[in-house]
Amino acid sequence: YVVDFLPKIKIEAVIPTELLENAIDAIL
């Protein structure tokens, strides 16, 4: 059988703009 949808995790965070680039780099 075909598994179309794969399990993932969605992370959401609201942060100050000055933390944005560091947060993106940390996730990457």
PDB file of all heavy atoms in Angstrom:
ATOM      1  N   TYR A   1       0.840  -1.197   0.000  1.00  0.00           N
ATOM      2  CA  TYR A   1       0.000   0.000   0.000  1.00  0.00           C
ATOM      3  C   TYR A   1       0.874   1.245   0.000  1.00  0.00           C
ATOM      4  O   TYR A   1       2.025   1.210   0.387  1.00  0.00           O
ATOM      5  CB  TYR A   1      -0.981   0.005   1.173  1.00  0.00           C
ATOM      6  CG  TYR A   1      -0.342   0.101   2.542  1.00  0.00           C
ATOM      7  CD1 TYR A   1      -0.273   1.319   3.194  1.00  0.00           C
ATOM      8  CD2 TYR A   1       0.179  -1.017   3.176  1.00  0.00           C
ATOM      9  CE1 TYR A   1       0.303   1.422   4.445  1.00  0.00           C
ATOM     10  CE2 TYR A   1       0.767  -0.925   4.421  1.00  0.00           C
ATOM     11  CZ  TYR A   1       0.822   0.292   5.052  1.00  0.00           C
ATOM     12  OH  TYR A   1       1.404   0.400   6.284  1.00  0.00           O
ATOM     13  N   VAL A   2       0.308   2.337  -0.471  1.00  0.00           N
ATOM     14  CA  VAL A   2       1.041   3.589  -0.613  1.00  0.00           C
ATOM     15  C   VAL A   2       0.746   4.484   0.586  1.00  0.00           C
ATOM     16  O   VAL A   2      -0.412   4.674   0.964  1.00  0.00           O
ATOM     17  CB  VAL A   2       0.634   4.313  -1.923  1.00  0.00           C
ATOM     18  CG1 VAL A   2       1.335   5.662  -2.026  1.00  0.00           C
ATOM     19  CG2 VAL A   2       0.952   3.438  -3.123  1.00  0.00           C
ATOM     20  N   VAL A   3       1.805   5.002   1.184  1.00  0.00           N
ATOM     21  CA  VAL A   3       1.677   5.978   2.263  1.00  0.00           C
ATOM     22  C   VAL A   3       1.911   7.345   1.631  1.00  0.00           C
ATOM     23  O   VAL A   3       3.038   7.692   1.285  1.00  0.00           O
ATOM     24  CB  VAL A   3       2.701   5.706   3.382  1.00  0.00           C
ATOM     25  CG1 VAL A   3       2.594   6.767   4.469  1.00  0.00           C
ATOM     26  CG2 VAL A   3       2.506   4.317   3.958  1.00  0.00           C
ATOM     27  N   ASP A   4       0.822   8.091   1.414  1.00  0.00           N
ATOM     28  CA  ASP A   4       0.932   9.396   0.760  1.00  0.00           C
ATOM     29  C   ASP A   4       1.438  10.483   1.690  1.00  0.00           C
ATOM     30  O   ASP A   4       2.213  11.337   1.299  1.00  0.00           O
ATOM     31  CB  ASP A   4      -0.423   9.828   0.198  1.00  0.00           C
ATOM     32  CG  ASP A   4      -0.840   8.986  -0.994  1.00  0.00           C
ATOM     33  OD1 ASP A   4       0.043   8.518  -1.727  1.00  0.00           O
ATOM     34  OD2 ASP A   4      -2.045   8.804  -1.188  1.00  0.00           O
ATOM     35  N   PHE A   5       0.952  10.491   2.921  1.00  0.00           N
ATOM     36  CA  PHE A   5       1.298  11.549   3.859  1.00  0.00           C
ATOM     37  C   PHE A   5       2.283  11.011   4.885  1.00  0.00           C
ATOM     38  O   PHE A   5       2.006  10.037   5.563  1.00  0.00           O
ATOM     39  CB  PHE A   5       0.040  12.083   4.550  1.00  0.00           C
ATOM     40  CG  PHE A   5      -0.883  12.765   3.600  1.00  0.00           C
ATOM     41  CD1 PHE A   5      -1.972  12.102   3.071  1.00  0.00           C
ATOM     42  CD2 PHE A   5      -0.660  14.073   3.226  1.00  0.00           C
ATOM     43  CE1 PHE A   5      -2.829  12.723   2.186  1.00  0.00           C
ATOM     44  CE2 PHE A   5      -1.505  14.716   2.331  1.00  0.00           C
ATOM     45  CZ  PHE A   5      -2.589  14.043   1.822  1.00  0.00           C
ATOM     46  N   LEU A   6       3.421  11.678   4.986  1.00  0.00           N
ATOM     47  CA  LEU A   6       4.470  11.259   5.900  1.00  0.00           C
ATOM     48  C   LEU A   6       4.411  12.064   7.193  1.00  0.00           C
ATOM     49  O   LEU A   6       4.074  13.248   7.177  1.00  0.00           O
ATOM     50  CB  LEU A   6       5.833  11.451   5.236  1.00  0.00           C
ATOM     51  CG  LEU A   6       6.012  10.670   3.931  1.00  0.00           C
ATOM     52  CD1 LEU A   6       7.293  11.088   3.241  1.00  0.00           C
ATOM     53  CD2 LEU A   6       6.011   9.185   4.204  1.00  0.00           C
ATOM     54  N   PRO A   7       4.747  11.442   8.324  1.00  0.00           N
ATOM     55  CA  PRO A   7       4.718  12.168   9.596  1.00  0.00           C
ATOM     56  C   PRO A   7       5.815  13.231   9.648  1.00  0.00           C
ATOM     57  O   PRO A   7       6.961  12.973   9.276  1.00  0.00           O
ATOM     58  CB  PRO A   7       4.941  11.082  10.643  1.00  0.00           C
ATOM     59  CG  PRO A   7       5.570   9.954   9.915  1.00  0.00           C
ATOM     60  CD  PRO A   7       5.132  10.052   8.490  1.00  0.00           C
ATOM     61  N   LYS A   8       5.443  14.403  10.100  1.00  0.00           N
ATOM     62  CA  LYS A   8       6.373  15.523  10.255  1.00  0.00           C
ATOM     63  C   LYS A   8       6.055  16.230  11.569  1.00  0.00           C
ATOM     64  O   LYS A   8       5.037  15.973  12.194  1.00  0.00           O
ATOM     65  CB  LYS A   8       6.231  16.534   9.111  1.00  0.00           C
ATOM     66  CG  LYS A   8       6.497  15.975   7.725  1.00  0.00           C
ATOM     67  CD  LYS A   8       7.952  15.708   7.513  1.00  0.00           C
ATOM     68  CE  LYS A   8       8.182  15.208   6.086  1.00  0.00           C
ATOM     69  NZ  LYS A   8       9.590  14.948   5.854  1.00  0.00           N
ATOM     70  N   ILE A   9       6.905  17.154  11.956  1.00  0.00           N
ATOM     71  CA  ILE A   9       6.687  18.007  13.120  1.00  0.00           C
ATOM     72  C   ILE A   9       6.670  19.450  12.642  1.00  0.00           C
ATOM     73  O   ILE A   9       7.532  19.864  11.857  1.00  0.00           O
ATOM     74  CB  ILE A   9       7.815  17.833  14.161  1.00  0.00           C
ATOM     75  CG1 ILE A   9       7.809  16.432  14.747  1.00  0.00           C
ATOM     76  CG2 ILE A   9       7.715  18.886  15.260  1.00  0.00           C
ATOM     77  CD1 ILE A   9       6.647  16.118  15.649  1.00  0.00           C
ATOM     78  N   LYS A  10       5.681  20.204  13.108  1.00  0.00           N
ATOM     79  CA  LYS A  10       5.602  21.634  12.777  1.00  0.00           C
ATOM     80  C   LYS A  10       5.912  22.423  14.046  1.00  0.00           C
ATOM     81  O   LYS A  10       5.268  22.233  15.074  1.00  0.00           O
ATOM     82  CB  LYS A  10       4.218  21.981  12.262  1.00  0.00           C
ATOM     83  CG  LYS A  10       4.057  23.429  11.880  1.00  0.00           C
ATOM     84  CD  LYS A  10       2.659  23.650  11.324  1.00  0.00           C
ATOM     85  CE  LYS A  10       2.360  25.082  11.040  1.00  0.00           C
ATOM     86  NZ  LYS A  10       0.986  25.262  10.551  1.00  0.00           N
ATOM     87  N   ILE A  11       6.907  23.286  13.939  1.00  0.00           N
ATOM     88  CA  ILE A  11       7.311  24.144  15.052  1.00  0.00           C
ATOM     89  C   ILE A  11       6.921  25.570  14.706  1.00  0.00           C
ATOM     90  O   ILE A  11       7.187  26.043  13.600  1.00  0.00           O
ATOM     91  CB  ILE A  11       8.835  24.075  15.266  1.00  0.00           C
ATOM     92  CG1 ILE A  11       9.243  22.655  15.642  1.00  0.00           C
ATOM     93  CG2 ILE A  11       9.281  25.069  16.318  1.00  0.00           C
ATOM     94  CD1 ILE A  11      10.735  22.461  15.654  1.00  0.00           C
ATOM     95  N   GLU A  12       6.283  26.247  15.653  1.00  0.00           N
ATOM     96  CA  GLU A  12       5.902  27.649  15.453  1.00  0.00           C
ATOM     97  C   GLU A  12       6.478  28.478  16.594  1.00  0.00           C
ATOM     98  O   GLU A  12       6.423  28.066  17.752  1.00  0.00           O
ATOM     99  CB  GLU A  12       4.385  27.801  15.446  1.00  0.00           C
ATOM    100  CG  GLU A  12       3.711  27.040  14.329  1.00  0.00           C
ATOM    101  CD  GLU A  12       2.199  27.080  14.445  1.00  0.00           C
ATOM    102  OE1 GLU A  12       1.601  28.041  13.934  1.00  0.00           O
ATOM    103  OE2 GLU A  12       1.644  26.159  15.065  1.00  0.00           O
ATOM    104  N   ALA A  13       7.017  29.643  16.254  1.00  0.00           N
ATOM    105  CA  ALA A  13       7.545  30.557  17.260  1.00  0.00           C
ATOM    106  C   ALA A  13       7.375  31.982  16.775  1.00  0.00           C
ATOM    107  O   ALA A  13       7.640  32.276  15.608  1.00  0.00           O
ATOM    108  CB  ALA A  13       9.017  30.270  17.527  1.00  0.00           C
ATOM    109  N   VAL A  14       6.925  32.854  17.662  1.00  0.00           N
ATOM    110  CA  VAL A  14       6.869  34.287  17.369  1.00  0.00           C
ATOM    111  C   VAL A  14       8.030  34.921  18.114  1.00  0.00           C
ATOM    112  O   VAL A  14       8.175  34.748  19.324  1.00  0.00           O
ATOM    113  CB  VAL A  14       5.522  34.899  17.796  1.00  0.00           C
ATOM    114  CG1 VAL A  14       5.517  36.402  17.542  1.00  0.00           C
ATOM    115  CG2 VAL A  14       4.380  34.229  17.049  1.00  0.00           C
ATOM    116  N   ILE A  15       8.873  35.638  17.362  1.00  0.00           N
ATOM    117  CA  ILE A  15      10.118  36.148  17.925  1.00  0.00           C
ATOM    118  C   ILE A  15      10.324  37.605  17.535  1.00  0.00           C
ATOM    119  O   ILE A  15       9.752  38.078  16.562  1.00  0.00           O
ATOM    120  CB  ILE A  15      11.322  35.310  17.437  1.00  0.00           C
ATOM    121  CG1 ILE A  15      11.441  35.369  15.914  1.00  0.00           C
ATOM    122  CG2 ILE A  15      11.209  33.868  17.909  1.00  0.00           C
ATOM    123  CD1 ILE A  15      12.697  34.740  15.366  1.00  0.00           C
ATOM    124  N   PRO A  16      11.165  38.308  18.286  1.00  0.00           N
ATOM    125  CA  PRO A  16      11.538  39.665  17.862  1.00  0.00           C
ATOM    126  C   PRO A  16      12.305  39.609  16.541  1.00  0.00           C
ATOM    127  O   PRO A  16      13.041  38.653  16.278  1.00  0.00           O
ATOM    128  CB  PRO A  16      12.459  40.154  18.989  1.00  0.00           C
ATOM    129  CG  PRO A  16      12.173  39.267  20.150  1.00  0.00           C
ATOM    130  CD  PRO A  16      11.739  37.962  19.574  1.00  0.00           C
ATOM    131  N   THR A  17      12.139  40.618  15.713  1.00  0.00           N
ATOM    132  CA  THR A  17      12.757  40.644  14.385  1.00  0.00           C
ATOM    133  C   THR A  17      14.271  40.481  14.447  1.00  0.00           C
ATOM    134  O   THR A  17      14.865  39.821  13.594  1.00  0.00           O
ATOM    135  CB  THR A  17      12.387  41.951  13.659  1.00  0.00           C
ATOM    136  OG1 THR A  17      10.963  42.049  13.607  1.00  0.00           O
ATOM    137  CG2 THR A  17      12.933  41.979  12.249  1.00  0.00           C
ATOM    138  N   GLU A  18      14.908  41.021  15.486  1.00  0.00           N
ATOM    139  CA  GLU A  18      16.373  40.931  15.564  1.00  0.00           C
ATOM    140  C   GLU A  18      16.885  39.506  15.798  1.00  0.00           C
ATOM    141  O   GLU A  18      18.050  39.216  15.556  1.00  0.00           O
ATOM    142  CB  GLU A  18      16.945  41.893  16.622  1.00  0.00           C
ATOM    143  CG  GLU A  18      16.389  41.727  18.008  1.00  0.00           C
ATOM    144  CD  GLU A  18      15.156  42.581  18.288  1.00  0.00           C
ATOM    145  OE1 GLU A  18      14.611  43.188  17.351  1.00  0.00           O
ATOM    146  OE2 GLU A  18      14.746  42.624  19.459  1.00  0.00           O
ATOM    147  N   LEU A  19      16.033  38.596  16.243  1.00  0.00           N
ATOM    148  CA  LEU A  19      16.428  37.191  16.421  1.00  0.00           C
ATOM    149  C   LEU A  19      16.211  36.340  15.170  1.00  0.00           C
ATOM    150  O   LEU A  19      16.613  35.178  15.133  1.00  0.00           O
ATOM    151  CB  LEU A  19      15.638  36.550  17.562  1.00  0.00           C
ATOM    152  CG  LEU A  19      15.997  36.916  18.986  1.00  0.00           C
ATOM    153  CD1 LEU A  19      15.118  36.149  19.961  1.00  0.00           C
ATOM    154  CD2 LEU A  19      17.454  36.634  19.264  1.00  0.00           C
ATOM    155  N   LEU A  20      15.576  36.907  14.146  1.00  0.00           N
ATOM    156  CA  LEU A  20      15.134  36.122  12.991  1.00  0.00           C
ATOM    157  C   LEU A  20      16.255  35.350  12.308  1.00  0.00           C
ATOM    158  O   LEU A  20      16.160  34.139  12.126  1.00  0.00           O
ATOM    159  CB  LEU A  20      14.412  37.016  11.981  1.00  0.00           C
ATOM    160  CG  LEU A  20      13.889  36.295  10.743  1.00  0.00           C
ATOM    161  CD1 LEU A  20      12.838  35.269  11.124  1.00  0.00           C
ATOM    162  CD2 LEU A  20      13.334  37.294   9.744  1.00  0.00           C
ATOM    163  N   GLU A  21      17.315  36.031  11.902  1.00  0.00           N
ATOM    164  CA  GLU A  21      18.389  35.364  11.151  1.00  0.00           C
ATOM    165  C   GLU A  21      19.064  34.264  11.974  1.00  0.00           C
ATOM    166  O   GLU A  21      19.357  33.179  11.469  1.00  0.00           O
ATOM    167  CB  GLU A  21      19.406  36.370  10.640  1.00  0.00           C
ATOM    168  CG  GLU A  21      18.869  37.281   9.559  1.00  0.00           C
ATOM    169  CD  GLU A  21      18.251  36.535   8.381  1.00  0.00           C
ATOM    170  OE1 GLU A  21      18.847  35.545   7.909  1.00  0.00           O
ATOM    171  OE2 GLU A  21      17.161  36.935   7.939  1.00  0.00           O
ATOM    172  N   ASN A  22      19.295  34.540  13.264  1.00  0.00           N
ATOM    173  CA  ASN A  22      19.908  33.525  14.129  1.00  0.00           C
ATOM    174  C   ASN A  22      18.995  32.317  14.293  1.00  0.00           C
ATOM    175  O   ASN A  22      19.464  31.179  14.328  1.00  0.00           O
ATOM    176  CB  ASN A  22      20.241  34.101  15.498  1.00  0.00           C
ATOM    177  CG  ASN A  22      21.399  35.079  15.443  1.00  0.00           C
ATOM    178  OD1 ASN A  22      22.205  35.045  14.521  1.00  0.00           O
ATOM    179  ND2 ASN A  22      21.485  35.949  16.424  1.00  0.00           N
ATOM    180  N   ALA A  23      17.690  32.558  14.395  1.00  0.00           N
ATOM    181  CA  ALA A  23      16.738  31.456  14.543  1.00  0.00           C
ATOM    182  C   ALA A  23      16.678  30.612  13.275  1.00  0.00           C
ATOM    183  O   ALA A  23      16.660  29.373  13.337  1.00  0.00           O
ATOM    184  CB  ALA A  23      15.355  31.996  14.898  1.00  0.00           C
ATOM    185  N   ILE A  24      16.676  31.263  12.126  1.00  0.00           N
ATOM    186  CA  ILE A  24      16.654  30.529  10.857  1.00  0.00           C
ATOM    187  C   ILE A  24      17.921  29.684  10.723  1.00  0.00           C
ATOM    188  O   ILE A  24      17.867  28.499  10.373  1.00  0.00           O
ATOM    189  CB  ILE A  24      16.506  31.496   9.661  1.00  0.00           C
ATOM    190  CG1 ILE A  24      15.093  32.074   9.644  1.00  0.00           C
ATOM    191  CG2 ILE A  24      16.803  30.779   8.349  1.00  0.00           C
ATOM    192  CD1 ILE A  24      14.893  33.171   8.610  1.00  0.00           C
ATOM    193  N   ASP A  25      19.074  30.258  11.030  1.00  0.00           N
ATOM    194  CA  ASP A  25      20.334  29.517  10.958  1.00  0.00           C
ATOM    195  C   ASP A  25      20.328  28.329  11.918  1.00  0.00           C
ATOM    196  O   ASP A  25      20.799  27.242  11.573  1.00  0.00           O
ATOM    197  CB  ASP A  25      21.527  30.425  11.276  1.00  0.00           C
ATOM    198  CG  ASP A  25      21.831  31.404  10.159  1.00  0.00           C
ATOM    199  OD1 ASP A  25      21.371  31.171   9.015  1.00  0.00           O
ATOM    200  OD2 ASP A  25      22.522  32.405  10.432  1.00  0.00           O
ATOM    201  N   ALA A  26      19.788  28.533  13.113  1.00  0.00           N
ATOM    202  CA  ALA A  26      19.729  27.444  14.099  1.00  0.00           C
ATOM    203  C   ALA A  26      18.882  26.289  13.581  1.00  0.00           C
ATOM    204  O   ALA A  26      19.250  25.116  13.727  1.00  0.00           O
ATOM    205  CB  ALA A  26      19.178  27.970  15.426  1.00  0.00           C
ATOM    206  N   ILE A  27      17.740  26.605  12.975  1.00  0.00           N
ATOM    207  CA  ILE A  27      16.872  25.551  12.432  1.00  0.00           C
ATOM    208  C   ILE A  27      17.565  24.853  11.264  1.00  0.00           C
ATOM    209  O   ILE A  27      17.562  23.619  11.180  1.00  0.00           O
ATOM    210  CB  ILE A  27      15.510  26.122  11.999  1.00  0.00           C
ATOM    211  CG1 ILE A  27      14.738  26.652  13.208  1.00  0.00           C
ATOM    212  CG2 ILE A  27      14.679  25.050  11.282  1.00  0.00           C
ATOM    213  CD1 ILE A  27      13.517  27.469  12.856  1.00  0.00           C
ATOM    214  N   LEU A  28      18.150  25.635  10.360  1.00  0.00           N
ATOM    215  CA  LEU A  28      18.833  25.049   9.201  1.00  0.00           C
ATOM    216  C   LEU A  28      19.916  24.057   9.620  1.00  0.00           C
ATOM    217  O   LEU A  28      20.000  22.945   9.099  1.00  0.00           O
ATOM    218  CB  LEU A  28      19.462  26.140   8.338  1.00  0.00           C
ATOM    219  CG  LEU A  28      18.530  26.935   7.437  1.00  0.00           C
ATOM    220  CD1 LEU A  28      19.278  28.082   6.779  1.00  0.00           C
ATOM    221  CD2 LEU A  28      17.910  26.034   6.390  1.00  0.00           C
TER     222      LEU A  28
END
